[in-house]
Amino acid sequence: MCNACGNPAAPGHWTEAGAATPGDRLRARFHRAKVLDDILRPYGLMAHDGGVVPGIQLGTMAGASSIVHNLSEVWAEAERLHGAPIDPLDPRYLDDL
């Protein structure tokens, strides 16, 4: 394992359980990042998974960023970057999805 970046990646997330091929797993990662990005945009945050680095990159419009390793870390880090609580089930934002 690379000490700098954590590769090779850990086994897939439970949401990738139906992925039959590595391509399916990668598409699931990209889709998950897109959904997170859609949820976080109204809070002035971005989510991105380039498929190269293990984890999800979170960032602010001002340029602050961090990498989280899994979905359970997303919300705590997003709230830290945002500086206030984030409710991913807020009806105002779910209607836009």
Protein backbone atom coordinates (compact mmCIF):
# COMPACT_ATOMS: atom_id res chain seq x y z
CA MET A 1 0.00 0.00 0.00
CA CYS A 2 1.21 3.48 -0.83
CA ASN A 3 1.67 5.54 2.34
CA ALA A 4 1.15 8.80 0.47
CA CYS A 5 -2.21 8.17 -1.16
CA GLY A 6 -3.63 4.97 0.32
CA ASN A 7 -3.60 2.94 -2.92
CA PRO A 8 -4.62 0.28 -3.49
CA ALA A 9 -8.11 1.37 -2.65
CA ALA A 10 -10.05 -0.35 0.08
CA PRO A 11 -12.81 -2.77 -0.94
CA GLY A 12 -15.81 -1.06 -2.49
CA HIS A 13 -18.54 0.73 -0.62
CA TRP A 14 -21.76 -1.20 0.06
CA THR A 15 -23.52 0.91 -2.59
CA GLU A 16 -21.33 -0.81 -5.20
CA ALA A 17 -22.52 -4.30 -4.22
CA GLY A 18 -24.24 -4.88 -7.57
CA ALA A 19 -21.23 -3.82 -9.62
CA ALA A 20 -20.31 -6.81 -11.79
CA THR A 21 -17.20 -5.30 -13.38
CA PRO A 22 -14.56 -2.73 -12.41
CA GLY A 23 -16.21 -0.40 -14.94
CA ASP A 24 -19.55 -0.74 -13.15
CA ARG A 25 -17.84 0.02 -9.84
CA LEU A 26 -16.23 3.14 -11.30
CA ARG A 27 -19.55 4.32 -12.77
CA ALA A 28 -21.16 3.82 -9.34
CA ARG A 29 -18.44 5.97 -7.74
CA PHE A 30 -18.95 8.73 -10.30
CA HIS A 31 -22.72 8.63 -9.88
CA ARG A 32 -22.42 8.80 -6.08
CA ALA A 33 -20.10 11.82 -6.36
CA LYS A 34 -22.56 13.54 -8.74
CA VAL A 35 -25.44 13.04 -6.30
CA LEU A 36 -23.30 14.39 -3.44
CA ASP A 37 -22.28 17.36 -5.57
CA ASP A 38 -25.95 18.12 -6.33
CA ILE A 39 -26.79 18.00 -2.61
CA LEU A 40 -23.81 20.11 -1.49
CA ARG A 41 -23.92 22.84 -4.20
CA PRO A 42 -26.67 24.89 -2.47
CA TYR A 43 -24.36 25.04 0.56
CA GLY A 44 -21.51 26.45 -1.53
CA LEU A 45 -19.61 23.15 -1.57
CA MET A 46 -18.49 20.77 -4.30
CA ALA A 47 -17.94 17.01 -4.35
CA HIS A 48 -15.77 15.23 -6.92
CA ASP A 49 -14.45 11.74 -7.46
CA GLY A 50 -11.89 11.58 -10.23
CA GLY A 51 -11.52 7.82 -9.92
CA VAL A 52 -7.76 8.11 -9.37
CA VAL A 53 -7.41 9.02 -5.70
CA PRO A 54 -9.22 6.84 -3.18
CA GLY A 55 -11.98 8.87 -1.62
CA ILE A 56 -14.14 11.85 -2.45
CA GLN A 57 -12.77 15.35 -2.80
CA LEU A 58 -14.84 18.03 -1.07
CA GLY A 59 -14.24 21.71 -1.65
CA THR A 60 -15.58 25.21 -1.17
CA MET A 61 -16.07 27.83 -3.86
CA ALA A 62 -13.25 29.77 -2.16
CA GLY A 63 -10.78 26.95 -2.82
CA ALA A 64 -10.54 25.11 0.51
CA SER A 65 -10.62 21.36 -0.02
CA SER A 66 -10.13 18.00 1.63
CA ILE A 67 -10.40 14.32 0.80
CA VAL A 68 -12.70 12.01 2.72
CA HIS A 69 -12.36 8.25 2.52
CA ASN A 70 -16.00 7.22 2.62
CA LEU A 71 -19.58 8.46 2.77
CA SER A 72 -19.72 8.40 6.55
CA GLU A 73 -16.98 11.06 6.65
CA VAL A 74 -18.62 13.29 4.02
CA TRP A 75 -21.17 15.00 6.25
CA ALA A 76 -18.82 15.84 9.13
CA GLU A 77 -16.23 17.28 6.74
CA ALA A 78 -18.86 19.14 4.70
CA GLU A 79 -20.17 20.78 7.87
CA ARG A 80 -16.62 21.71 8.87
CA LEU A 81 -15.94 23.30 5.48
CA HIS A 82 -19.34 25.02 5.43
CA GLY A 83 -19.10 26.21 9.02
CA ALA A 84 -22.68 25.24 9.83
CA PRO A 85 -24.86 22.11 9.99
CA ILE A 86 -25.92 20.53 6.70
CA ASP A 87 -29.14 18.57 6.33
CA PRO A 88 -28.90 16.32 3.25
CA LEU A 89 -32.64 15.64 3.55
CA ASP A 90 -33.71 19.30 3.60
CA PRO A 91 -36.85 19.43 1.41
CA ARG A 92 -35.75 22.73 -0.17
CA TYR A 93 -32.79 20.95 -1.76
CA LEU A 94 -34.37 17.57 -2.39
CA ASP A 95 -36.96 19.21 -4.63
CA ASP A 96 -34.13 20.39 -6.90
CA LEU A 97 -32.71 16.88 -7.26
